[in-house]
Amino acid sequence: VNSFAKRWGYRPCDVLMLNAGVMAIPQRATTEDGFERHLGVNHLGHFALTARLWPALKKAAAGGGAARVVVVSSDGHKKGTIRFDDINLEKPGAYKDCSTPFCSAYTQSKL
């Protein structure tokens, strides 16, 4: 996210489409920032990229222009539950069934 935002620089951005995602990671893994990987990539990464490119979006919208942020998701949210007491799924048994597409880590990341 950071390297992309740096490469983008100060150019205006009129459309930002957030479509990156991971699913079915069999073993629990974390991002370089320490977040459970599904949550870090599918949810927090989108937020971070939008925040980093916010000045570029504002620049595109200045002077009567328009800018849009489009977030693409899945219906995984329908099965999701947020574990506020263990958001990174670190407790024993929290990270399970992740060899299947709609594991608990993935569905949580879609909320």
C-alpha atoms as a PDB file:
ATOM      1  CA  VAL A   1       0.000   0.000   0.000  1.00  0.00           C
ATOM      2  CA  ASN A   2       2.680   2.465   0.986  1.00  0.00           C
ATOM      3  CA  SER A   3       4.917   1.796  -2.002  1.00  0.00           C
ATOM      4  CA  PHE A   4       1.969   2.068  -4.410  1.00  0.00           C
ATOM      5  CA  ALA A   5       0.849   5.348  -2.854  1.00  0.00           C
ATOM      6  CA  LYS A   6       4.399   6.714  -3.123  1.00  0.00           C
ATOM      7  CA  ARG A   7       4.615   5.673  -6.778  1.00  0.00           C
ATOM      8  CA  TRP A   8       1.247   7.336  -7.432  1.00  0.00           C
ATOM      9  CA  GLY A   9       2.702  10.584  -6.165  1.00  0.00           C
ATOM     10  CA  TYR A  10       0.758  13.831  -6.549  1.00  0.00           C
ATOM     11  CA  ARG A  11      -1.237  12.919  -9.626  1.00  0.00           C
ATOM     12  CA  PRO A  12      -5.027  13.289  -9.313  1.00  0.00           C
ATOM     13  CA  CYS A  13      -7.061  10.103  -8.941  1.00  0.00           C
ATOM     14  CA  ASP A  14     -10.662  10.275 -10.152  1.00  0.00           C
ATOM     15  CA  VAL A  15     -11.541   6.591  -9.492  1.00  0.00           C
ATOM     16  CA  LEU A  16     -10.141   4.287  -6.846  1.00  0.00           C
ATOM     17  CA  MET A  17     -11.438   0.725  -7.103  1.00  0.00           C
ATOM     18  CA  LEU A  18     -10.704  -1.422  -4.063  1.00  0.00           C
ATOM     19  CA  ASN A  19     -10.807  -5.023  -5.220  1.00  0.00           C
ATOM     20  CA  ALA A  20      -7.736  -6.690  -3.652  1.00  0.00           C
ATOM     21  CA  GLY A  21      -8.359  -9.687  -1.487  1.00  0.00           C
ATOM     22  CA  VAL A  22      -7.109 -12.971  -0.120  1.00  0.00           C
ATOM     23  CA  MET A  23      -9.049 -16.023   0.979  1.00  0.00           C
ATOM     24  CA  ALA A  24      -8.549 -19.565   2.196  1.00  0.00           C
ATOM     25  CA  ILE A  25      -5.090 -19.082   3.695  1.00  0.00           C
ATOM     26  CA  PRO A  26      -4.652 -22.527   5.321  1.00  0.00           C
ATOM     27  CA  GLN A  27      -2.290 -21.433   8.119  1.00  0.00           C
ATOM     28  CA  ARG A  28      -2.708 -18.276  10.160  1.00  0.00           C
ATOM     29  CA  ALA A  29      -0.418 -15.550   8.822  1.00  0.00           C
ATOM     30  CA  THR A  30      -0.017 -11.856   9.553  1.00  0.00           C
ATOM     31  CA  THR A  31       0.727  -8.731   7.584  1.00  0.00           C
ATOM     32  CA  GLU A  32       3.992  -6.899   8.135  1.00  0.00           C
ATOM     33  CA  ASP A  33       2.015  -4.664  10.528  1.00  0.00           C
ATOM     34  CA  GLY A  34       0.970  -7.670  12.630  1.00  0.00           C
ATOM     35  CA  PHE A  35      -2.676  -8.011  11.589  1.00  0.00           C
ATOM     36  CA  GLU A  36      -4.233 -11.346  10.689  1.00  0.00           C
ATOM     37  CA  ARG A  37      -3.709 -11.505   6.926  1.00  0.00           C
ATOM     38  CA  HIS A  38      -7.372 -11.771   5.770  1.00  0.00           C
ATOM     39  CA  LEU A  39      -8.321  -8.746   7.893  1.00  0.00           C
ATOM     40  CA  GLY A  40      -5.183  -6.814   6.975  1.00  0.00           C
ATOM     41  CA  VAL A  41      -5.506  -7.260   3.220  1.00  0.00           C
ATOM     42  CA  ASN A  42      -9.280  -7.410   2.710  1.00  0.00           C
ATOM     43  CA  HIS A  43     -10.325  -4.657   5.107  1.00  0.00           C
ATOM     44  CA  LEU A  44      -7.534  -2.576   6.615  1.00  0.00           C
ATOM     45  CA  GLY A  45      -5.524  -2.457   3.392  1.00  0.00           C
ATOM     46  CA  HIS A  46      -8.424  -0.857   1.554  1.00  0.00           C
ATOM     47  CA  PHE A  47      -8.808   1.729   4.305  1.00  0.00           C
ATOM     48  CA  ALA A  48      -5.075   2.470   4.302  1.00  0.00           C
ATOM     49  CA  LEU A  49      -4.907   2.871   0.521  1.00  0.00           C
ATOM     50  CA  THR A  50      -7.904   5.206   0.502  1.00  0.00           C
ATOM     51  CA  ALA A  51      -6.359   7.295   3.271  1.00  0.00           C
ATOM     52  CA  ARG A  52      -3.010   7.496   1.474  1.00  0.00           C
ATOM     53  CA  LEU A  53      -4.646   8.489  -1.833  1.00  0.00           C
ATOM     54  CA  TRP A  54      -7.184  10.880  -0.269  1.00  0.00           C
ATOM     55  CA  PRO A  55      -5.206  13.972  -1.371  1.00  0.00           C
ATOM     56  CA  ALA A  56      -5.145  12.622  -4.951  1.00  0.00           C
ATOM     57  CA  LEU A  57      -8.907  12.045  -4.842  1.00  0.00           C
ATOM     58  CA  LYS A  58      -9.490  15.551  -3.503  1.00  0.00           C
ATOM     59  CA  LYS A  59      -7.236  16.949  -6.219  1.00  0.00           C
ATOM     60  CA  ALA A  60      -9.323  15.218  -8.902  1.00  0.00           C
ATOM     61  CA  ALA A  61     -12.519  16.605  -7.382  1.00  0.00           C
ATOM     62  CA  ALA A  62     -11.217  20.169  -7.096  1.00  0.00           C
ATOM     63  CA  GLY A  63     -12.661  22.725  -9.439  1.00  0.00           C
ATOM     64  CA  GLY A  64     -15.916  20.917 -10.102  1.00  0.00           C
ATOM     65  CA  GLY A  65     -14.460  17.542 -11.013  1.00  0.00           C
ATOM     66  CA  ALA A  66     -15.552  14.257  -9.514  1.00  0.00           C
ATOM     67  CA  ALA A  67     -13.820  11.435  -7.670  1.00  0.00           C
ATOM     68  CA  ARG A  68     -15.181   8.058  -6.682  1.00  0.00           C
ATOM     69  CA  VAL A  69     -14.115   5.251  -4.356  1.00  0.00           C
ATOM     70  CA  VAL A  70     -15.629   1.882  -5.276  1.00  0.00           C
ATOM     71  CA  VAL A  71     -15.323  -1.033  -2.857  1.00  0.00           C
ATOM     72  CA  VAL A  72     -15.855  -4.508  -4.310  1.00  0.00           C
ATOM     73  CA  SER A  73     -16.667  -7.274  -1.863  1.00  0.00           C
ATOM     74  CA  SER A  74     -18.351 -10.652  -1.738  1.00  0.00           C
ATOM     75  CA  ASP A  75     -21.280 -12.198   0.039  1.00  0.00           C
ATOM     76  CA  GLY A  76     -18.868 -13.552   2.659  1.00  0.00           C
ATOM     77  CA  HIS A  77     -20.134 -10.905   5.055  1.00  0.00           C
ATOM     78  CA  LYS A  78     -23.404 -12.828   5.376  1.00  0.00           C
ATOM     79  CA  LYS A  79     -21.632 -15.536   7.376  1.00  0.00           C
ATOM     80  CA  GLY A  80     -19.270 -13.224   9.245  1.00  0.00           C
ATOM     81  CA  THR A  81     -18.938 -12.343  12.886  1.00  0.00           C
ATOM     82  CA  ILE A  82     -16.481  -9.807  14.255  1.00  0.00           C
ATOM     83  CA  ARG A  83     -14.500 -11.146  17.178  1.00  0.00           C
ATOM     84  CA  PHE A  84     -13.789  -7.864  18.939  1.00  0.00           C
ATOM     85  CA  ASP A  85     -12.103  -9.683  21.814  1.00  0.00           C
ATOM     86  CA  ASP A  86      -9.741 -11.477  19.386  1.00  0.00           C
ATOM     87  CA  ILE A  87      -9.731  -9.437  16.156  1.00  0.00           C
ATOM     88  CA  ASN A  88      -6.475 -11.071  14.983  1.00  0.00           C
ATOM     89  CA  LEU A  89      -7.726 -14.586  15.751  1.00  0.00           C
ATOM     90  CA  GLU A  90      -4.812 -15.359  18.050  1.00  0.00           C
ATOM     91  CA  LYS A  91      -6.657 -17.400  20.674  1.00  0.00           C
ATOM     92  CA  PRO A  92      -6.327 -21.189  20.421  1.00  0.00           C
ATOM     93  CA  GLY A  93      -8.872 -22.602  17.964  1.00  0.00           C
ATOM     94  CA  ALA A  94      -9.920 -19.179  16.616  1.00  0.00           C
ATOM     95  CA  TYR A  95      -8.269 -19.691  13.224  1.00  0.00           C
ATOM     96  CA  LYS A  96     -10.018 -22.721  11.802  1.00  0.00           C
ATOM     97  CA  ASP A  97     -11.441 -24.142   8.589  1.00  0.00           C
ATOM     98  CA  CYS A  98      -9.338 -21.779   6.486  1.00  0.00           C
ATOM     99  CA  SER A  99      -8.663 -24.263   3.755  1.00  0.00           C
ATOM    100  CA  THR A 100     -12.239 -23.525   2.644  1.00  0.00           C
ATOM    101  CA  PRO A 101     -13.265 -20.301   0.884  1.00  0.00           C
ATOM    102  CA  PHE A 102     -15.622 -18.984   3.564  1.00  0.00           C
ATOM    103  CA  CYS A 103     -13.596 -19.594   6.694  1.00  0.00           C
ATOM    104  CA  SER A 104     -14.145 -17.453   9.772  1.00  0.00           C
ATOM    105  CA  ALA A 105     -11.092 -15.280   9.090  1.00  0.00           C
ATOM    106  CA  TYR A 106     -12.280 -14.458   5.571  1.00  0.00           C
ATOM    107  CA  THR A 107     -15.900 -13.757   6.519  1.00  0.00           C
ATOM    108  CA  GLN A 108     -14.797 -11.520   9.404  1.00  0.00           C
ATOM    109  CA  SER A 109     -12.650  -9.518   6.986  1.00  0.00           C
ATOM    110  CA  LYS A 110     -15.708  -8.796   4.822  1.00  0.00           C
ATOM    111  CA  LEU A 111     -17.639  -6.973   7.543  1.00  0.00           C
END
